Protein backbone atom coordinates (compact mmCIF):
# COMPACT_ATOMS: atom_id res chain seq x y z
CA UNK A 1 -7.14 6.67 2.93
CA UNK A 2 -3.44 5.84 3.07
CA UNK A 3 -1.44 7.83 5.54
CA UNK A 4 2.39 7.92 5.67
CA UNK A 5 4.40 8.25 8.82
CA UNK A 6 7.58 10.19 8.67
CA UNK A 7 10.46 8.49 10.48
CA UNK A 8 13.31 10.98 11.01
CA UNK A 9 16.59 10.37 12.78
CA UNK A 10 17.13 13.94 13.79
CA UNK A 11 14.40 13.62 16.40
CA UNK A 12 12.03 16.38 15.26
CA UNK A 13 9.07 14.01 15.51
CA UNK A 14 10.70 11.70 18.04
CA UNK A 15 10.63 8.42 16.07
CA UNK A 16 13.80 6.36 15.94
CA UNK A 17 14.37 3.21 13.99
CA UNK A 18 12.21 0.15 14.55
CA UNK A 19 13.50 -2.44 17.03
CA UNK A 20 15.18 -5.40 15.37
CA UNK A 21 13.51 -8.58 16.40
CA UNK A 22 15.14 -11.90 17.24
CA UNK A 23 12.47 -13.60 15.12
CA UNK A 24 13.79 -11.82 12.04
CA UNK A 25 17.37 -12.80 12.87
CA UNK A 26 16.31 -16.43 13.29
CA UNK A 27 14.53 -16.27 9.95
CA UNK A 28 17.72 -15.07 8.25
CA UNK A 29 19.69 -17.84 9.85
CA UNK A 30 17.22 -20.41 8.67
CA UNK A 31 17.39 -19.18 5.11
CA UNK A 32 21.19 -18.87 5.16
CA UNK A 33 21.27 -22.60 6.03
CA UNK A 34 18.36 -23.61 3.67
CA UNK A 35 19.78 -22.57 0.27
CA UNK A 36 23.12 -24.33 0.39
CA UNK A 37 21.43 -27.43 1.75
CA UNK A 38 18.91 -27.32 -1.12
CA UNK A 39 21.74 -27.11 -3.59
CA UNK A 40 23.42 -30.06 -1.92
CA UNK A 41 20.10 -31.86 -2.04
CA UNK A 42 20.48 -32.11 -5.84
CA UNK A 43 23.15 -34.77 -5.44
CA UNK A 44 22.18 -38.43 -5.72
CA UNK A 45 22.16 -40.74 -2.79
CA UNK A 46 21.09 -40.63 0.86
CA UNK A 47 23.31 -37.60 1.61
CA UNK A 48 21.47 -35.58 -1.03
CA UNK A 49 18.09 -36.70 0.17
CA UNK A 50 19.00 -35.79 3.75
CA UNK A 51 20.29 -32.39 2.70
CA UNK A 52 17.16 -31.76 0.59
CA UNK A 53 14.83 -32.69 3.57
CA UNK A 54 16.73 -30.54 6.07
CA UNK A 55 17.06 -27.73 3.51
CA UNK A 56 13.31 -27.62 2.89
CA UNK A 57 12.72 -27.67 6.66
CA UNK A 58 14.94 -24.64 7.06
CA UNK A 59 13.32 -22.89 4.09
CA UNK A 60 9.81 -23.45 5.39
CA UNK A 61 10.73 -22.34 8.93
CA UNK A 62 12.64 -19.35 7.58
CA UNK A 63 9.71 -18.20 5.45
CA UNK A 64 7.22 -18.64 8.40
CA UNK A 65 9.57 -16.71 10.72
CA UNK A 66 9.91 -13.85 8.18
CA UNK A 67 6.14 -13.52 7.98
CA UNK A 68 6.03 -13.48 11.83
CA UNK A 69 8.74 -10.83 11.91
CA UNK A 70 6.76 -8.76 9.38
CA UNK A 71 3.67 -8.96 11.59
CA UNK A 72 5.85 -7.75 14.55
CA UNK A 73 7.14 -4.80 12.53
CA UNK A 74 3.62 -3.94 11.43
CA UNK A 75 2.49 -3.94 14.98
CA UNK A 76 5.41 -1.55 15.89
CA UNK A 77 4.47 0.80 13.04
CA UNK A 78 0.81 0.80 14.11
CA UNK A 79 1.87 1.55 17.73
CA UNK A 80 4.01 4.43 16.56
CA UNK A 81 1.21 5.75 14.26
CA UNK A 82 -1.35 5.61 17.06
CA UNK A 83 0.93 7.30 19.53
CA UNK A 84 2.03 9.99 17.03
CA UNK A 85 -1.07 12.11 17.57
CA UNK A 86 -1.36 13.49 14.09
CA UNK A 87 2.22 13.47 12.81
CA UNK A 88 1.16 11.87 9.56
CA UNK A 89 1.69 13.00 6.01
CA UNK A 90 -1.83 12.82 4.54
CA UNK A 91 -1.63 16.29 2.95
CA UNK A 92 -2.80 17.34 -0.52
CA UNK A 93 0.27 18.02 -2.62
CA UNK A 94 -1.56 20.53 -4.81
CA UNK A 95 -2.46 22.61 -1.78
CA UNK A 96 1.19 22.66 -0.72
CA UNK A 97 2.20 24.02 -4.16
CA UNK A 98 -0.35 26.80 -4.04
CA UNK A 99 0.93 27.97 -0.66
CA UNK A 100 4.52 28.38 -1.74
């Protein structure tokens, strides 16, 4: 069963925003360097070859770091869900309509 967690800023439940990780920032930096280098890698000669190799290295590292950051965010969400103590939205929408 899928359960949704409500993240509200007004503090009724007490959840804030997820903590930004340095891993995600590093992944963004890698990809910001990767794409221009991959475009430059399309030029002929040793400069293009060097740019292509470095660009692919940044792209692969950036992608791997993004997946790592995603796992860190997933761990944060699981931690919040387990500490919420039942503040989940797994209700039946039909039942809510009948009560109103």
